[in-house]
Amino acid sequence: MRKEANNTVGLFFCYDTYMNVEELVRRYIREGMMMQVATIKGDQPWVCTVYYVPDEELNLYWISTPERRHSREIAGHPKVAGAIPVKHAPDGGVVGLQFEGQAQRITDQDEIQKIMKLYVNRYTMRLPTGDGWYRDFIAGKNPYKLYRIKPSLFVLFDEETFPATRDMSGNRLSN
């Protein structure tokens, strides 16, 4: 019989207690490449899609220009939410993460250098000149800036590890 329970461990939430949720979240964050970030101004929400890189503390970093709508909204209201789609095969289970946290533009030069090395290594194929792009970024010669989300909560949606126990009407499936 499958046990259903809400499992909250620090930053992590999942509807099952059979697996190490933090281990799954770490693995899926490494597997994902793009995330959606939701911001707000007044009563109007906005969402954008960005390429990201995580650090060991599960902070999520991306680059953007300060003029972009999401960047302007983060400057005025740092609370954000987002999603990381990991797997979505039509014949397999869906896997994804949702999160909430605080976002900000990074200005510490040591942090920028460290994270941008990770970013360039991960996305070399998407950047125009690789190492040259990194040097220009560090020197402030392009319009992009580094941003970070410090998540306060992750929610794991994982149909592969935790198969459905209810149908779309909410009825319990037999085991």
Protein backbone atom coordinates (compact mmCIF):
# COMPACT_ATOMS: atom_id res chain seq x y z
CA MET A 1 0.00 0.00 0.00
CA ARG A 2 1.29 3.44 -0.89
CA LYS A 3 1.62 5.93 1.94
CA GLU A 4 0.49 9.46 1.16
CA ALA A 5 1.82 12.20 3.35
CA ASN A 6 2.88 15.76 3.04
CA ASN A 7 6.65 15.81 3.49
CA THR A 8 8.24 19.15 4.24
CA VAL A 9 12.00 19.07 4.82
CA GLY A 10 13.56 22.52 5.02
CA LEU A 11 13.17 24.07 1.57
CA PHE A 12 11.63 20.97 0.02
CA PHE A 13 8.04 19.80 -0.29
CA CYS A 14 6.76 16.58 -1.84
CA TYR A 15 3.68 14.37 -1.48
CA ASP A 16 5.66 11.23 -0.66
CA THR A 17 8.22 10.15 1.91
CA TYR A 18 9.92 7.23 0.13
CA MET A 19 12.80 9.13 -1.47
CA ASN A 20 15.32 11.75 -0.43
CA VAL A 21 13.53 14.78 -1.85
CA GLU A 22 16.56 17.08 -1.60
CA GLU A 23 18.61 14.61 -3.66
CA LEU A 24 15.93 14.58 -6.37
CA VAL A 25 15.65 18.38 -6.37
CA ARG A 26 19.43 18.74 -6.73
CA ARG A 27 19.49 16.22 -9.60
CA TYR A 28 16.61 17.83 -11.45
CA ILE A 29 18.03 21.34 -11.05
CA ARG A 30 21.25 20.10 -12.66
CA GLU A 31 19.29 18.43 -15.49
CA GLY A 32 17.14 21.47 -16.30
CA MET A 33 18.42 24.31 -18.45
CA MET A 34 15.59 26.81 -18.62
CA MET A 35 13.28 28.19 -15.97
CA GLN A 36 10.26 30.42 -15.94
CA VAL A 37 10.43 33.31 -13.48
CA ALA A 38 7.26 35.10 -12.36
CA THR A 39 7.51 38.71 -11.19
CA ILE A 40 4.90 41.28 -10.25
CA LYS A 41 4.34 45.02 -10.39
CA GLY A 42 1.29 46.28 -8.57
CA ASP A 43 -1.40 43.73 -9.31
CA GLN A 44 -0.03 42.68 -12.71
CA PRO A 45 2.02 39.43 -12.85
CA TRP A 46 4.59 38.67 -15.55
CA VAL A 47 6.55 35.56 -16.48
CA CYS A 48 9.73 35.14 -18.51
CA THR A 49 11.87 32.21 -19.59
CA VAL A 50 15.62 32.28 -18.99
CA TYR A 51 18.61 29.95 -19.11
CA TYR A 52 19.96 29.35 -15.61
CA VAL A 53 22.83 27.81 -13.70
CA PRO A 54 22.62 26.60 -10.07
CA ASP A 55 25.22 26.73 -7.33
CA GLU A 56 25.76 24.19 -4.54
CA GLU A 57 23.33 26.04 -2.23
CA LEU A 58 20.59 25.66 -4.90
CA ASN A 59 20.58 29.35 -5.75
CA LEU A 60 19.54 29.92 -9.36
CA TYR A 61 21.42 32.43 -11.55
CA TRP A 62 20.66 33.89 -14.96
CA ILE A 63 21.69 36.84 -17.08
CA SER A 64 19.49 39.60 -18.38
CA THR A 65 19.58 43.29 -19.14
CA PRO A 66 18.35 45.72 -16.48
CA GLU A 67 15.88 47.17 -19.00
CA ARG A 68 13.91 43.92 -19.39
CA ARG A 69 10.51 43.92 -17.73
CA HIS A 70 11.37 41.13 -15.26
CA SER A 71 14.61 42.89 -14.26
CA ARG A 72 12.79 46.17 -13.60
CA GLU A 73 10.11 44.40 -11.58
CA ILE A 74 12.68 42.50 -9.47
CA ALA A 75 14.39 45.82 -8.67
CA GLY A 76 11.11 47.07 -7.21
CA HIS A 77 9.72 43.84 -5.75
CA PRO A 78 12.20 40.98 -5.19
CA LYS A 79 9.68 38.22 -4.36
CA VAL A 80 9.45 35.79 -7.26
CA ALA A 81 8.10 32.36 -8.10
CA GLY A 82 9.04 30.05 -10.90
CA ALA A 83 9.13 26.66 -12.52
CA ILE A 84 11.78 24.40 -14.00
CA PRO A 85 10.46 21.87 -16.54
CA VAL A 86 12.72 18.81 -16.47
CA LYS A 87 10.92 16.04 -18.40
CA HIS A 88 7.71 16.11 -20.37
CA ALA A 89 7.57 13.11 -22.68
CA PRO A 90 4.05 12.30 -23.93
CA ASP A 91 4.47 8.60 -23.12
CA GLY A 92 6.34 9.07 -19.82
CA GLY A 93 5.93 10.90 -16.59
CA VAL A 94 6.19 14.63 -16.16
CA VAL A 95 8.94 15.96 -13.90
CA GLY A 96 9.32 19.56 -12.80
CA LEU A 97 10.09 21.89 -9.94
CA GLN A 98 8.28 24.93 -8.70
CA PHE A 99 9.91 27.43 -6.37
CA GLU A 100 9.48 30.72 -4.59
CA GLY A 101 12.13 33.03 -3.25
CA GLN A 102 13.92 36.36 -3.40
CA ALA A 103 15.65 37.64 -6.53
CA GLN A 104 18.28 40.30 -6.92
CA ARG A 105 20.92 41.62 -9.27
CA ILE A 106 24.43 40.53 -8.24
CA THR A 107 27.10 43.20 -7.92
CA ASP A 108 29.81 41.36 -5.97
CA GLN A 109 32.63 40.89 -8.48
CA ASP A 110 33.95 37.64 -6.91
CA GLU A 111 30.50 36.05 -7.06
CA ILE A 112 30.00 37.27 -10.62
CA GLN A 113 33.30 35.74 -11.77
CA LYS A 114 32.61 32.41 -10.06
CA ILE A 115 29.06 32.05 -11.37
CA MET A 116 29.81 33.32 -14.86
CA LYS A 117 32.48 30.62 -15.25
CA LEU A 118 29.76 28.06 -14.51
CA TYR A 119 27.36 29.81 -16.88
CA VAL A 120 29.84 29.99 -19.76
CA ASN A 121 30.86 26.34 -19.29
CA ARG A 122 27.23 25.24 -19.36
CA TYR A 123 26.11 27.39 -22.31
CA THR A 124 29.22 27.68 -24.50
CA MET A 125 27.17 26.60 -27.52
CA ARG A 126 24.73 29.50 -26.99
CA LEU A 127 27.23 32.28 -26.35
CA PRO A 128 28.77 34.13 -29.28
CA THR A 129 32.47 33.82 -28.36
CA GLY A 130 32.86 31.68 -25.21
CA ASP A 131 35.91 32.93 -23.29
CA GLY A 132 35.81 36.29 -25.04
CA TRP A 133 32.17 36.70 -24.00
CA TYR A 134 33.14 35.86 -20.39
CA ARG A 135 35.94 38.46 -20.37
CA ASP A 136 33.63 41.11 -21.86
CA PHE A 137 30.93 40.28 -19.30
CA ILE A 138 33.34 40.55 -16.36
CA ALA A 139 34.70 43.82 -17.75
CA GLY A 140 31.15 45.23 -18.08
CA LYS A 141 31.46 45.54 -21.87
CA ASN A 142 28.05 44.11 -22.67
CA PRO A 143 24.58 45.07 -21.43
CA TYR A 144 23.89 41.85 -19.50
CA LYS A 145 23.93 41.59 -15.71
CA LEU A 146 23.84 38.58 -13.38
CA TYR A 147 20.76 37.86 -11.28
CA ARG A 148 20.17 35.34 -8.49
CA ILE A 149 17.15 33.72 -6.90
CA LYS A 150 17.57 32.44 -3.35
CA PRO A 151 14.72 29.95 -3.11
CA SER A 152 12.79 29.70 0.14
CA LEU A 153 10.73 26.70 -1.06
CA PHE A 154 10.92 24.02 -3.74
CA VAL A 155 7.92 21.89 -4.71
CA LEU A 156 8.70 18.70 -6.60
CA PHE A 157 6.29 17.38 -9.24
CA ASP A 158 7.59 13.95 -10.25
CA GLU A 159 5.35 11.39 -11.95
CA GLU A 160 8.32 9.11 -12.66
CA THR A 161 9.47 8.62 -9.08
CA PHE A 162 6.02 9.09 -7.54
CA PRO A 163 3.42 7.66 -9.96
CA ALA A 164 -0.12 8.99 -9.75
CA THR A 165 -2.32 7.65 -6.98
CA ARG A 166 -5.45 9.46 -8.22
CA ASP A 167 -7.09 9.90 -11.62
CA MET A 168 -7.95 13.29 -13.14
CA SER A 169 -11.29 13.27 -11.24
CA GLY A 170 -9.56 12.80 -7.90
CA ASN A 171 -10.54 9.15 -7.49
CA ARG A 172 -7.95 6.87 -5.89
CA LEU A 173 -6.30 4.45 -8.34
CA SER A 174 -6.01 0.82 -7.25
CA ASN A 175 -2.49 -0.43 -6.53
